[in-house]
């Protein structure tokens, strides 16, 4: 990098949701856990000290104190150990087999002997999808999907790279609601695209174009048969979760949907200002994205080409092979 340009860096908060430190560098949750452990240990010590020697009583209290310190200060996979233990207990309580059951699964009659546990009902987080693409997450608020394209970062100059990094940092700092940036890849099948090109070749107006179309179809067949191809797309999930007790449920849901749709449109306009093609997905596109998420390893046909556009045009879908 040239010394004339500023370094490629932007100040972005590492953890905007980090809880505040109350005392001695500890959060409220940690202080409550330590206080509860100390209170339990004191009660055990007072109860057992008349019956046991001091050393034995201290040995009984030590596991309680150690467990309290571990729960308060320990971390696993970026999560507090107390929350990790609660999540593990919740996981053990859940049913291992889930089935699609809009109605509740009936209880087993008392006279029926069943080995193991009955399957549980699969609860999809998306309750409904509006026509404008806003997804109703029932009690978890609303969400919207934005499909974004990519830009060539490595081919830019140092000044342009610094401007892009600064823009991205400013956009992240301007966010006032949870946003997830998802980059996913799935297998793609080019056989359908190759057959479409081969069928359209005889209708081209010039023999040279017909031959070029046939060669391109043969190249697609060879490419699809010799390699595992992946289609990649960038999705931006914009969410909004109203605060509990903020009014009537229907009115709150409508206000949340309007807000998340506006934030999705703002993301599209903001990314368009730096040259990133983006679009807010409607209901059909959202349903397609959710359907693809259930079977990520399944090969799907490549997106159909637009025969009315030149072959050098970049698709607005944001997907590239």
C-alpha atoms as a PDB file:
ATOM      1  CA  UNK A   1       0.000   0.000   0.000  1.00  0.00           C
ATOM      2  CA  UNK A   2       1.210   3.470  -0.801  1.00  0.00           C
ATOM      3  CA  UNK A   3       2.052   5.733   2.110  1.00  0.00           C
ATOM      4  CA  UNK A   4      -0.017   8.517   0.556  1.00  0.00           C
ATOM      5  CA  UNK A   5      -3.300   6.821   1.437  1.00  0.00           C
ATOM      6  CA  UNK A   6      -4.839   6.083   4.788  1.00  0.00           C
ATOM      7  CA  UNK A   7      -4.761   2.460   6.005  1.00  0.00           C
ATOM      8  CA  UNK A   8      -7.660   0.116   5.276  1.00  0.00           C
ATOM      9  CA  UNK A   9      -9.304   0.324   8.675  1.00  0.00           C
ATOM     10  CA  UNK A  10     -12.578   1.509  10.144  1.00  0.00           C
ATOM     11  CA  UNK A  11     -13.650   1.715  13.768  1.00  0.00           C
ATOM     12  CA  UNK A  12     -16.459  -0.787  14.345  1.00  0.00           C
ATOM     13  CA  UNK A  13     -17.632  -1.769  17.858  1.00  0.00           C
ATOM     14  CA  UNK A  14     -16.607  -5.354  18.534  1.00  0.00           C
ATOM     15  CA  UNK A  15     -19.625  -6.172  20.704  1.00  0.00           C
ATOM     16  CA  UNK A  16     -22.356  -3.540  20.871  1.00  0.00           C
ATOM     17  CA  UNK A  17     -24.501  -5.815  23.061  1.00  0.00           C
ATOM     18  CA  UNK A  18     -21.852  -6.358  25.751  1.00  0.00           C
ATOM     19  CA  UNK A  19     -23.420  -5.874  29.214  1.00  0.00           C
ATOM     20  CA  UNK A  20     -22.221  -3.077  31.442  1.00  0.00           C
ATOM     21  CA  UNK A  21     -19.688  -3.736  34.203  1.00  0.00           C
ATOM     22  CA  UNK A  22     -21.238  -2.928  37.596  1.00  0.00           C
ATOM     23  CA  UNK A  23     -18.522  -3.715  40.167  1.00  0.00           C
ATOM     24  CA  UNK A  24     -14.976  -5.053  40.026  1.00  0.00           C
ATOM     25  CA  UNK A  25     -15.270  -5.621  36.282  1.00  0.00           C
ATOM     26  CA  UNK A  26     -18.279  -7.929  36.736  1.00  0.00           C
ATOM     27  CA  UNK A  27     -21.724  -7.659  35.219  1.00  0.00           C
ATOM     28  CA  UNK A  28     -25.004  -7.810  37.077  1.00  0.00           C
ATOM     29  CA  UNK A  29     -25.529 -11.434  36.063  1.00  0.00           C
ATOM     30  CA  UNK A  30     -22.105 -12.437  37.366  1.00  0.00           C
ATOM     31  CA  UNK A  31     -22.637 -10.619  40.654  1.00  0.00           C
ATOM     32  CA  UNK A  32     -26.001 -12.319  41.166  1.00  0.00           C
ATOM     33  CA  UNK A  33     -24.488 -15.760  40.535  1.00  0.00           C
ATOM     34  CA  UNK A  34     -21.567 -15.112  42.878  1.00  0.00           C
ATOM     35  CA  UNK A  35     -23.879 -13.718  45.543  1.00  0.00           C
ATOM     36  CA  UNK A  36     -26.190 -16.722  45.304  1.00  0.00           C
ATOM     37  CA  UNK A  37     -23.236 -19.120  45.544  1.00  0.00           C
ATOM     38  CA  UNK A  38     -21.847 -17.258  48.567  1.00  0.00           C
ATOM     39  CA  UNK A  39     -25.250 -17.296  50.284  1.00  0.00           C
ATOM     40  CA  UNK A  40     -25.700 -21.042  49.698  1.00  0.00           C
ATOM     41  CA  UNK A  41     -22.162 -21.749  50.912  1.00  0.00           C
ATOM     42  CA  UNK A  42     -22.771 -19.650  54.052  1.00  0.00           C
ATOM     43  CA  UNK A  43     -26.015 -21.472  54.804  1.00  0.00           C
ATOM     44  CA  UNK A  44     -24.333 -24.837  54.353  1.00  0.00           C
ATOM     45  CA  UNK A  45     -21.429 -23.785  56.584  1.00  0.00           C
ATOM     46  CA  UNK A  46     -23.721 -22.521  59.357  1.00  0.00           C
ATOM     47  CA  UNK A  47     -25.866 -25.659  59.185  1.00  0.00           C
ATOM     48  CA  UNK A  48     -22.979 -28.159  59.199  1.00  0.00           C
ATOM     49  CA  UNK A  49     -20.418 -26.432  61.431  1.00  0.00           C
ATOM     50  CA  UNK A  50     -22.012 -27.673  64.703  1.00  0.00           C
ATOM     51  CA  UNK A  51     -22.036 -31.241  63.359  1.00  0.00           C
ATOM     52  CA  UNK A  52     -18.741 -31.549  61.457  1.00  0.00           C
ATOM     53  CA  UNK A  53     -15.168 -30.271  61.904  1.00  0.00           C
ATOM     54  CA  UNK A  54     -14.265 -27.006  60.263  1.00  0.00           C
ATOM     55  CA  UNK A  55     -12.110 -28.720  57.616  1.00  0.00           C
ATOM     56  CA  UNK A  56     -14.902 -31.110  56.652  1.00  0.00           C
ATOM     57  CA  UNK A  57     -17.447 -28.294  56.524  1.00  0.00           C
ATOM     58  CA  UNK A  58     -15.138 -26.230  54.322  1.00  0.00           C
ATOM     59  CA  UNK A  59     -14.678 -29.241  52.043  1.00  0.00           C
ATOM     60  CA  UNK A  60     -18.457 -29.507  51.641  1.00  0.00           C
ATOM     61  CA  UNK A  61     -18.764 -25.769  50.882  1.00  0.00           C
ATOM     62  CA  UNK A  62     -15.876 -25.727  48.401  1.00  0.00           C
ATOM     63  CA  UNK A  63     -17.802 -27.389  45.489  1.00  0.00           C
ATOM     64  CA  UNK A  64     -20.595 -24.838  45.885  1.00  0.00           C
ATOM     65  CA  UNK A  65     -18.156 -21.921  45.745  1.00  0.00           C
ATOM     66  CA  UNK A  66     -16.244 -23.468  42.826  1.00  0.00           C
ATOM     67  CA  UNK A  67     -19.470 -24.059  40.887  1.00  0.00           C
ATOM     68  CA  UNK A  68     -20.537 -20.446  41.481  1.00  0.00           C
ATOM     69  CA  UNK A  69     -17.212 -19.052  40.256  1.00  0.00           C
ATOM     70  CA  UNK A  70     -17.274 -21.368  37.208  1.00  0.00           C
ATOM     71  CA  UNK A  71     -20.804 -20.348  36.284  1.00  0.00           C
ATOM     72  CA  UNK A  72     -20.094 -16.648  36.718  1.00  0.00           C
ATOM     73  CA  UNK A  73     -16.648 -16.382  35.101  1.00  0.00           C
ATOM     74  CA  UNK A  74     -16.441 -19.397  32.768  1.00  0.00           C
ATOM     75  CA  UNK A  75     -17.195 -19.156  29.050  1.00  0.00           C
ATOM     76  CA  UNK A  76     -17.745 -21.756  26.342  1.00  0.00           C
ATOM     77  CA  UNK A  77     -17.933 -20.908  22.620  1.00  0.00           C
ATOM     78  CA  UNK A  78     -18.347 -17.219  23.434  1.00  0.00           C
ATOM     79  CA  UNK A  79     -21.252 -17.896  25.818  1.00  0.00           C
ATOM     80  CA  UNK A  80     -21.387 -17.623  29.564  1.00  0.00           C
ATOM     81  CA  UNK A  81     -21.151 -21.010  31.244  1.00  0.00           C
ATOM     82  CA  UNK A  82     -24.462 -20.540  33.061  1.00  0.00           C
ATOM     83  CA  UNK A  83     -26.281 -19.855  29.793  1.00  0.00           C
ATOM     84  CA  UNK A  84     -24.430 -22.726  28.181  1.00  0.00           C
ATOM     85  CA  UNK A  85     -25.633 -25.105  30.909  1.00  0.00           C
ATOM     86  CA  UNK A  86     -29.218 -23.850  30.556  1.00  0.00           C
ATOM     87  CA  UNK A  87     -29.037 -24.324  26.789  1.00  0.00           C
ATOM     88  CA  UNK A  88     -27.693 -27.856  27.276  1.00  0.00           C
ATOM     89  CA  UNK A  89     -30.526 -28.701  29.680  1.00  0.00           C
ATOM     90  CA  UNK A  90     -33.068 -27.285  27.229  1.00  0.00           C
ATOM     91  CA  UNK A  91     -31.501 -29.353  24.438  1.00  0.00           C
ATOM     92  CA  UNK A  92     -31.755 -32.541  26.496  1.00  0.00           C
ATOM     93  CA  UNK A  93     -35.410 -31.856  27.241  1.00  0.00           C
ATOM     94  CA  UNK A  94     -36.367 -31.338  23.592  1.00  0.00           C
ATOM     95  CA  UNK A  95     -37.664 -34.098  21.366  1.00  0.00           C
ATOM     96  CA  UNK A  96     -35.063 -35.632  19.094  1.00  0.00           C
ATOM     97  CA  UNK A  97     -37.503 -36.323  16.237  1.00  0.00           C
ATOM     98  CA  UNK A  98     -39.634 -33.487  14.870  1.00  0.00           C
ATOM     99  CA  UNK A  99     -42.489 -33.876  12.387  1.00  0.00           C
ATOM    100  CA  UNK A 100     -44.585 -31.364  10.474  1.00  0.00           C
ATOM    101  CA  UNK A 101     -47.784 -31.137  12.501  1.00  0.00           C
ATOM    102  CA  UNK A 102     -49.813 -27.894  12.333  1.00  0.00           C
ATOM    103  CA  UNK A 103     -52.044 -29.337  15.014  1.00  0.00           C
ATOM    104  CA  UNK A 104     -50.714 -30.583  18.303  1.00  0.00           C
ATOM    105  CA  UNK A 105     -49.479 -34.165  18.490  1.00  0.00           C
ATOM    106  CA  UNK A 106     -52.029 -36.176  20.506  1.00  0.00           C
ATOM    107  CA  UNK A 107     -50.975 -37.772  23.730  1.00  0.00           C
ATOM    108  CA  UNK A 108     -50.443 -41.527  23.882  1.00  0.00           C
ATOM    109  CA  UNK A 109     -53.384 -43.378  25.510  1.00  0.00           C
ATOM    110  CA  UNK A 110     -52.734 -44.810  28.927  1.00  0.00           C
ATOM    111  CA  UNK A 111     -53.306 -48.372  27.708  1.00  0.00           C
ATOM    112  CA  UNK A 112     -50.680 -48.047  24.933  1.00  0.00           C
ATOM    113  CA  UNK A 113     -47.138 -49.038  25.797  1.00  0.00           C
ATOM    114  CA  UNK A 114     -44.619 -46.918  23.863  1.00  0.00           C
ATOM    115  CA  UNK A 115     -40.880 -47.312  24.011  1.00  0.00           C
ATOM    116  CA  UNK A 116     -39.009 -44.056  23.938  1.00  0.00           C
ATOM    117  CA  UNK A 117     -40.598 -40.656  23.400  1.00  0.00           C
ATOM    118  CA  UNK A 118     -43.151 -39.495  20.870  1.00  0.00           C
ATOM    119  CA  UNK A 119     -41.919 -37.088  18.159  1.00  0.00           C
ATOM    120  CA  UNK A 120     -42.387 -33.396  18.686  1.00  0.00           C
ATOM    121  CA  UNK A 121     -44.028 -30.824  16.444  1.00  0.00           C
ATOM    122  CA  UNK A 122     -41.729 -28.900  14.105  1.00  0.00           C
ATOM    123  CA  UNK A 123     -42.262 -25.200  14.713  1.00  0.00           C
ATOM    124  CA  UNK A 124     -41.087 -23.113  11.781  1.00  0.00           C
ATOM    125  CA  UNK A 125     -39.906 -19.669  12.957  1.00  0.00           C
ATOM    126  CA  UNK A 126     -41.611 -17.900  10.026  1.00  0.00           C
ATOM    127  CA  UNK A 127     -45.333 -17.680  10.792  1.00  0.00           C
ATOM    128  CA  UNK A 128     -46.372 -15.933   7.554  1.00  0.00           C
ATOM    129  CA  UNK A 129     -44.912 -13.992   4.607  1.00  0.00           C
ATOM    130  CA  UNK A 130     -46.585 -10.826   3.397  1.00  0.00           C
ATOM    131  CA  UNK A 131     -46.812  -9.874  -0.261  1.00  0.00           C
ATOM    132  CA  UNK A 132     -44.088  -7.258   0.164  1.00  0.00           C
ATOM    133  CA  UNK A 133     -41.709  -9.931   1.510  1.00  0.00           C
ATOM    134  CA  UNK A 134     -41.878  -9.065   5.214  1.00  0.00           C
ATOM    135  CA  UNK A 135     -41.826 -12.268   7.262  1.00  0.00           C
ATOM    136  CA  UNK A 136     -43.892 -12.513  10.416  1.00  0.00           C
ATOM    137  CA  UNK A 137     -41.902 -14.307  13.139  1.00  0.00           C
ATOM    138  CA  UNK A 138     -44.934 -14.494  15.433  1.00  0.00           C
ATOM    139  CA  UNK A 139     -43.729 -13.497  18.885  1.00  0.00           C
ATOM    140  CA  UNK A 140     -40.175 -12.760  17.684  1.00  0.00           C
ATOM    141  CA  UNK A 141     -41.041  -9.715  15.548  1.00  0.00           C
ATOM    142  CA  UNK A 142     -40.610  -9.364  11.796  1.00  0.00           C
ATOM    143  CA  UNK A 143     -37.801  -9.751   9.254  1.00  0.00           C
ATOM    144  CA  UNK A 144     -37.064  -8.918   5.617  1.00  0.00           C
ATOM    145  CA  UNK A 145     -34.544 -10.280   3.125  1.00  0.00           C
ATOM    146  CA  UNK A 146     -32.299  -8.243   0.839  1.00  0.00           C
ATOM    147  CA  UNK A 147     -30.299  -9.971  -1.883  1.00  0.00           C
ATOM    148  CA  UNK A 148     -27.066  -8.121  -2.600  1.00  0.00           C
ATOM    149  CA  UNK A 149     -24.403  -8.459  -5.240  1.00  0.00           C
ATOM    150  CA  UNK A 150     -20.650  -8.168  -4.905  1.00  0.00           C
ATOM    151  CA  UNK A 151     -17.919  -5.847  -6.109  1.00  0.00           C
ATOM    152  CA  UNK A 152     -14.340  -6.499  -7.181  1.00  0.00           C
ATOM    153  CA  UNK A 153     -12.332  -5.329  -4.183  1.00  0.00           C
ATOM    154  CA  UNK A 154      -8.928  -6.632  -5.274  1.00  0.00           C
ATOM    155  CA  UNK A 155      -8.977  -4.734  -8.579  1.00  0.00           C
ATOM    156  CA  UNK A 156      -9.519  -1.359  -6.917  1.00  0.00           C
ATOM    157  CA  UNK A 157      -6.791   1.128  -6.101  1.00  0.00           C
ATOM    158  CA  UNK A 158      -5.685   1.744  -2.533  1.00  0.00           C
ATOM    159  CA  UNK A 159      -7.759   4.893  -2.279  1.00  0.00           C
ATOM    160  CA  UNK A 160     -10.843   3.123  -3.606  1.00  0.00           C
ATOM    161  CA  UNK A 161     -10.317   0.203  -1.226  1.00  0.00           C
ATOM    162  CA  UNK A 162      -9.993   2.581   1.714  1.00  0.00           C
ATOM    163  CA  UNK A 163     -13.181   4.356   0.651  1.00  0.00           C
ATOM    164  CA  UNK A 164     -15.060   1.048   0.413  1.00  0.00           C
ATOM    165  CA  UNK A 165     -13.856  -0.080   3.842  1.00  0.00           C
ATOM    166  CA  UNK A 166     -14.805   3.273   5.325  1.00  0.00           C
ATOM    167  CA  UNK A 167     -18.227   3.134   3.711  1.00  0.00           C
ATOM    168  CA  UNK A 168     -18.849  -0.371   5.008  1.00  0.00           C
ATOM    169  CA  UNK A 169     -17.794   0.679   8.503  1.00  0.00           C
ATOM    170  CA  UNK A 170     -20.095   3.715   8.424  1.00  0.00           C
ATOM    171  CA  UNK A 171     -22.984   1.554   7.260  1.00  0.00           C
ATOM    172  CA  UNK A 172     -22.428  -0.918  10.108  1.00  0.00           C
ATOM    173  CA  UNK A 173     -22.208   1.906  12.635  1.00  0.00           C
ATOM    174  CA  UNK A 174     -25.459   3.400  11.315  1.00  0.00           C
ATOM    175  CA  UNK A 175     -27.467   0.248  11.958  1.00  0.00           C
ATOM    176  CA  UNK A 176     -29.972   0.561  14.772  1.00  0.00           C
ATOM    177  CA  UNK A 177     -31.463  -2.936  14.634  1.00  0.00           C
ATOM    178  CA  UNK A 178     -30.143  -6.517  14.344  1.00  0.00           C
ATOM    179  CA  UNK A 179     -28.837  -7.315  10.841  1.00  0.00           C
ATOM    180  CA  UNK A 180     -27.382 -10.613   9.631  1.00  0.00           C
ATOM    181  CA  UNK A 181     -25.155 -10.864   6.546  1.00  0.00           C
ATOM    182  CA  UNK A 182     -25.400 -14.388   5.144  1.00  0.00           C
ATOM    183  CA  UNK A 183     -23.155 -15.693   2.349  1.00  0.00           C
ATOM    184  CA  UNK A 184     -24.322 -19.116   1.262  1.00  0.00           C
ATOM    185  CA  UNK A 185     -23.318 -21.492  -1.514  1.00  0.00           C
ATOM    186  CA  UNK A 186     -25.303 -24.392  -2.959  1.00  0.00           C
ATOM    187  CA  UNK A 187     -24.741 -26.828  -5.854  1.00  0.00           C
ATOM    188  CA  UNK A 188     -26.112 -25.814  -9.220  1.00  0.00           C
ATOM    189  CA  UNK A 189     -27.114 -27.943 -12.214  1.00  0.00           C
ATOM    190  CA  UNK A 190     -26.279 -26.516 -15.661  1.00  0.00           C
ATOM    191  CA  UNK A 191     -28.017 -29.225 -17.714  1.00  0.00           C
ATOM    192  CA  UNK A 192     -31.284 -27.283 -17.942  1.00  0.00           C
ATOM    193  CA  UNK A 193     -29.459 -24.103 -18.940  1.00  0.00           C
ATOM    194  CA  UNK A 194     -27.451 -25.975 -21.585  1.00  0.00           C
ATOM    195  CA  UNK A 195     -30.610 -27.505 -23.069  1.00  0.00           C
ATOM    196  CA  UNK A 196     -32.262 -24.080 -23.231  1.00  0.00           C
ATOM    197  CA  UNK A 197     -29.289 -22.639 -25.107  1.00  0.00           C
ATOM    198  CA  UNK A 198     -29.182 -25.607 -27.495  1.00  0.00           C
ATOM    199  CA  UNK A 199     -32.905 -25.327 -28.227  1.00  0.00           C
ATOM    200  CA  UNK A 200     -32.656 -21.586 -28.883  1.00  0.00           C
ATOM    201  CA  UNK A 201     -29.616 -21.931 -31.184  1.00  0.00           C
ATOM    202  CA  UNK A 202     -31.513 -22.776 -34.445  1.00  0.00           C
ATOM    203  CA  UNK A 203     -33.682 -19.654 -34.047  1.00  0.00           C
ATOM    204  CA  UNK A 204     -30.727 -17.252 -34.090  1.00  0.00           C
ATOM    205  CA  UNK A 205     -30.517 -15.015 -37.182  1.00  0.00           C
ATOM    206  CA  UNK A 206     -26.933 -15.802 -38.232  1.00  0.00           C
ATOM    207  CA  UNK A 207     -25.086 -19.114 -38.716  1.00  0.00           C
ATOM    208  CA  UNK A 208     -22.133 -17.842 -36.694  1.00  0.00           C
ATOM    209  CA  UNK A 209     -24.417 -17.094 -33.744  1.00  0.00           C
ATOM    210  CA  UNK A 210     -26.002 -20.518 -34.067  1.00  0.00           C
ATOM    211  CA  UNK A 211     -22.599 -22.198 -33.991  1.00  0.00           C
ATOM    212  CA  UNK A 212     -21.501 -20.083 -31.026  1.00  0.00           C
ATOM    213  CA  UNK A 213     -24.656 -21.035 -29.114  1.00  0.00           C
ATOM    214  CA  UNK A 214     -24.080 -24.744 -29.826  1.00  0.00           C
ATOM    215  CA  UNK A 215     -20.472 -24.474 -28.689  1.00  0.00           C
ATOM    216  CA  UNK A 216     -21.562 -22.690 -25.536  1.00  0.00           C
ATOM    217  CA  UNK A 217     -24.136 -25.394 -24.782  1.00  0.00           C
ATOM    218  CA  UNK A 218     -21.469 -28.059 -25.242  1.00  0.00           C
ATOM    219  CA  UNK A 219     -19.151 -26.122 -22.940  1.00  0.00           C
ATOM    220  CA  UNK A 220     -21.854 -25.955 -20.268  1.00  0.00           C
ATOM    221  CA  UNK A 221     -22.425 -29.705 -20.517  1.00  0.00           C
ATOM    222  CA  UNK A 222     -18.701 -30.384 -20.198  1.00  0.00           C
ATOM    223  CA  UNK A 223     -18.345 -27.928 -17.326  1.00  0.00           C
ATOM    224  CA  UNK A 224     -21.256 -29.392 -15.383  1.00  0.00           C
ATOM    225  CA  UNK A 225     -20.081 -32.957 -15.867  1.00  0.00           C
ATOM    226  CA  UNK A 226     -16.463 -32.407 -14.906  1.00  0.00           C
ATOM    227  CA  UNK A 227     -16.729 -30.185 -11.824  1.00  0.00           C
ATOM    228  CA  UNK A 228     -18.902 -29.490  -8.802  1.00  0.00           C
ATOM    229  CA  UNK A 229     -20.295 -26.039  -9.402  1.00  0.00           C
ATOM    230  CA  UNK A 230     -21.606 -23.757  -6.690  1.00  0.00           C
ATOM    231  CA  UNK A 231     -23.833 -20.722  -6.978  1.00  0.00           C
ATOM    232  CA  UNK A 232     -23.237 -18.107  -4.287  1.00  0.00           C
ATOM    233  CA  UNK A 233     -25.489 -15.344  -3.100  1.00  0.00           C
ATOM    234  CA  UNK A 234     -25.335 -12.707  -0.402  1.00  0.00           C
ATOM    235  CA  UNK A 235     -28.412 -12.200   1.761  1.00  0.00           C
ATOM    236  CA  UNK A 236     -28.962  -9.429   4.289  1.00  0.00           C
ATOM    237  CA  UNK A 237     -31.569 -10.215   6.937  1.00  0.00           C
ATOM    238  CA  UNK A 238     -33.099  -7.126   8.539  1.00  0.00           C
ATOM    239  CA  UNK A 239     -35.043  -7.743  11.761  1.00  0.00           C
ATOM    240  CA  UNK A 240     -37.194  -5.815  14.150  1.00  0.00           C
ATOM    241  CA  UNK A 241     -38.459  -7.068  17.501  1.00  0.00           C
ATOM    242  CA  UNK A 242     -40.944  -4.798  19.260  1.00  0.00           C
ATOM    243  CA  UNK A 243     -40.587  -4.356  22.970  1.00  0.00           C
ATOM    244  CA  UNK A 244     -42.998  -6.433  25.061  1.00  0.00           C
ATOM    245  CA  UNK A 245     -46.110  -4.615  26.190  1.00  0.00           C
ATOM    246  CA  UNK A 246     -45.922  -2.008  23.396  1.00  0.00           C
ATOM    247  CA  UNK A 247     -49.631  -2.057  22.539  1.00  0.00           C
ATOM    248  CA  UNK A 248     -52.150  -4.168  20.683  1.00  0.00           C
ATOM    249  CA  UNK A 249     -50.684  -7.183  18.941  1.00  0.00           C
ATOM    250  CA  UNK A 250     -52.119  -6.514  15.476  1.00  0.00           C
ATOM    251  CA  UNK A 251     -51.170  -2.833  15.535  1.00  0.00           C
ATOM    252  CA  UNK A 252     -47.682  -3.627  16.833  1.00  0.00           C
ATOM    253  CA  UNK A 253     -47.128  -6.259  14.149  1.00  0.00           C
ATOM    254  CA  UNK A 254     -48.215  -3.860  11.392  1.00  0.00           C
ATOM    255  CA  UNK A 255     -45.931  -1.114  12.685  1.00  0.00           C
ATOM    256  CA  UNK A 256     -43.022  -3.554  12.943  1.00  0.00           C
ATOM    257  CA  UNK A 257     -43.617  -4.797   9.377  1.00  0.00           C
ATOM    258  CA  UNK A 258     -43.670  -1.237   8.041  1.00  0.00           C
ATOM    259  CA  UNK A 259     -40.470  -0.402   9.908  1.00  0.00           C
ATOM    260  CA  UNK A 260     -38.554  -3.474   8.742  1.00  0.00           C
ATOM    261  CA  UNK A 261     -39.669  -2.896   5.122  1.00  0.00           C
ATOM    262  CA  UNK A 262     -38.385   0.680   5.318  1.00  0.00           C
ATOM    263  CA  UNK A 263     -35.057  -0.510   6.733  1.00  0.00           C
ATOM    264  CA  UNK A 264     -34.726  -3.049   3.917  1.00  0.00           C
ATOM    265  CA  UNK A 265     -35.325  -0.333   1.310  1.00  0.00           C
ATOM    266  CA  UNK A 266     -32.796   1.902   3.059  1.00  0.00           C
ATOM    267  CA  UNK A 267     -30.226  -0.906   2.876  1.00  0.00           C
ATOM    268  CA  UNK A 268     -30.887  -1.271  -0.862  1.00  0.00           C
ATOM    269  CA  UNK A 269     -30.397   2.462  -1.453  1.00  0.00           C
ATOM    270  CA  UNK A 270     -27.314   2.630   0.752  1.00  0.00           C
ATOM    271  CA  UNK A 271     -25.587  -0.305  -0.949  1.00  0.00           C
ATOM    272  CA  UNK A 272     -26.525   1.064  -4.354  1.00  0.00           C
ATOM    273  CA  UNK A 273     -24.618   4.258  -3.563  1.00  0.00           C
ATOM    274  CA  UNK A 274     -21.331   2.327  -3.523  1.00  0.00           C
ATOM    275  CA  UNK A 275     -22.099   0.270  -6.629  1.00  0.00           C
ATOM    276  CA  UNK A 276     -23.500  -2.883  -4.991  1.00  0.00           C
ATOM    277  CA  UNK A 277     -26.607  -4.150  -6.741  1.00  0.00           C
ATOM    278  CA  UNK A 278     -29.265  -5.074  -4.189  1.00  0.00           C
ATOM    279  CA  UNK A 279     -32.970  -5.795  -4.151  1.00  0.00           C
ATOM    280  CA  UNK A 280     -35.570  -6.354  -1.464  1.00  0.00           C
ATOM    281  CA  UNK A 281     -37.144  -9.783  -1.933  1.00  0.00           C
ATOM    282  CA  UNK A 282     -40.896 -10.158  -2.357  1.00  0.00           C
ATOM    283  CA  UNK A 283     -43.035 -12.998  -1.033  1.00  0.00           C
ATOM    284  CA  UNK A 284     -42.232 -15.493  -3.818  1.00  0.00           C
ATOM    285  CA  UNK A 285     -38.485 -14.886  -3.573  1.00  0.00           C
ATOM    286  CA  UNK A 286     -38.580 -15.208   0.235  1.00  0.00           C
ATOM    287  CA  UNK A 287     -40.438 -18.512  -0.009  1.00  0.00           C
ATOM    288  CA  UNK A 288     -37.847 -19.762  -2.515  1.00  0.00           C
ATOM    289  CA  UNK A 289     -34.970 -18.785  -0.216  1.00  0.00           C
ATOM    290  CA  UNK A 290     -36.608 -20.501   2.757  1.00  0.00           C
ATOM    291  CA  UNK A 291     -37.297 -23.626   0.688  1.00  0.00           C
ATOM    292  CA  UNK A 292     -33.663 -23.792  -0.424  1.00  0.00           C
ATOM    293  CA  UNK A 293     -32.555 -23.572   3.207  1.00  0.00           C
ATOM    294  CA  UNK A 294     -34.272 -26.889   3.998  1.00  0.00           C
ATOM    295  CA  UNK A 295     -32.185 -28.815   1.448  1.00  0.00           C
ATOM    296  CA  UNK A 296     -28.876 -26.984   0.960  1.00  0.00           C
ATOM    297  CA  UNK A 297     -27.144 -29.943  -0.727  1.00  0.00           C
ATOM    298  CA  UNK A 298     -29.776 -30.442  -3.424  1.00  0.00           C
ATOM    299  CA  UNK A 299     -28.692 -29.401  -6.919  1.00  0.00           C
ATOM    300  CA  UNK A 300     -31.026 -26.851  -8.467  1.00  0.00           C
ATOM    301  CA  UNK A 301     -31.152 -25.535 -12.028  1.00  0.00           C
ATOM    302  CA  UNK A 302     -29.223 -22.394 -12.788  1.00  0.00           C
ATOM    303  CA  UNK A 303     -31.260 -19.166 -12.984  1.00  0.00           C
ATOM    304  CA  UNK A 304     -32.798 -18.846 -16.487  1.00  0.00           C
ATOM    305  CA  UNK A 305     -31.057 -16.309 -18.714  1.00  0.00           C
ATOM    306  CA  UNK A 306     -32.814 -13.212 -20.022  1.00  0.00           C
ATOM    307  CA  UNK A 307     -32.640 -13.523 -23.806  1.00  0.00           C
ATOM    308  CA  UNK A 308     -33.535  -9.859 -24.259  1.00  0.00           C
ATOM    309  CA  UNK A 309     -30.386  -8.657 -22.480  1.00  0.00           C
ATOM    310  CA  UNK A 310     -26.764  -8.750 -23.726  1.00  0.00           C
ATOM    311  CA  UNK A 311     -24.640 -11.550 -22.327  1.00  0.00           C
ATOM    312  CA  UNK A 312     -22.277  -9.044 -20.680  1.00  0.00           C
ATOM    313  CA  UNK A 313     -24.985  -7.694 -18.364  1.00  0.00           C
ATOM    314  CA  UNK A 314     -24.571  -8.623 -14.731  1.00  0.00           C
ATOM    315  CA  UNK A 315     -27.761 -10.135 -13.267  1.00  0.00           C
ATOM    316  CA  UNK A 316     -29.554  -8.212 -10.581  1.00  0.00           C
ATOM    317  CA  UNK A 317     -30.044 -11.352  -8.543  1.00  0.00           C
ATOM    318  CA  UNK A 318     -26.617 -11.025  -7.012  1.00  0.00           C
ATOM    319  CA  UNK A 319     -25.756 -14.670  -7.641  1.00  0.00           C
ATOM    320  CA  UNK A 320     -22.614 -15.735  -9.464  1.00  0.00           C
ATOM    321  CA  UNK A 321     -21.336 -19.135 -10.509  1.00  0.00           C
END
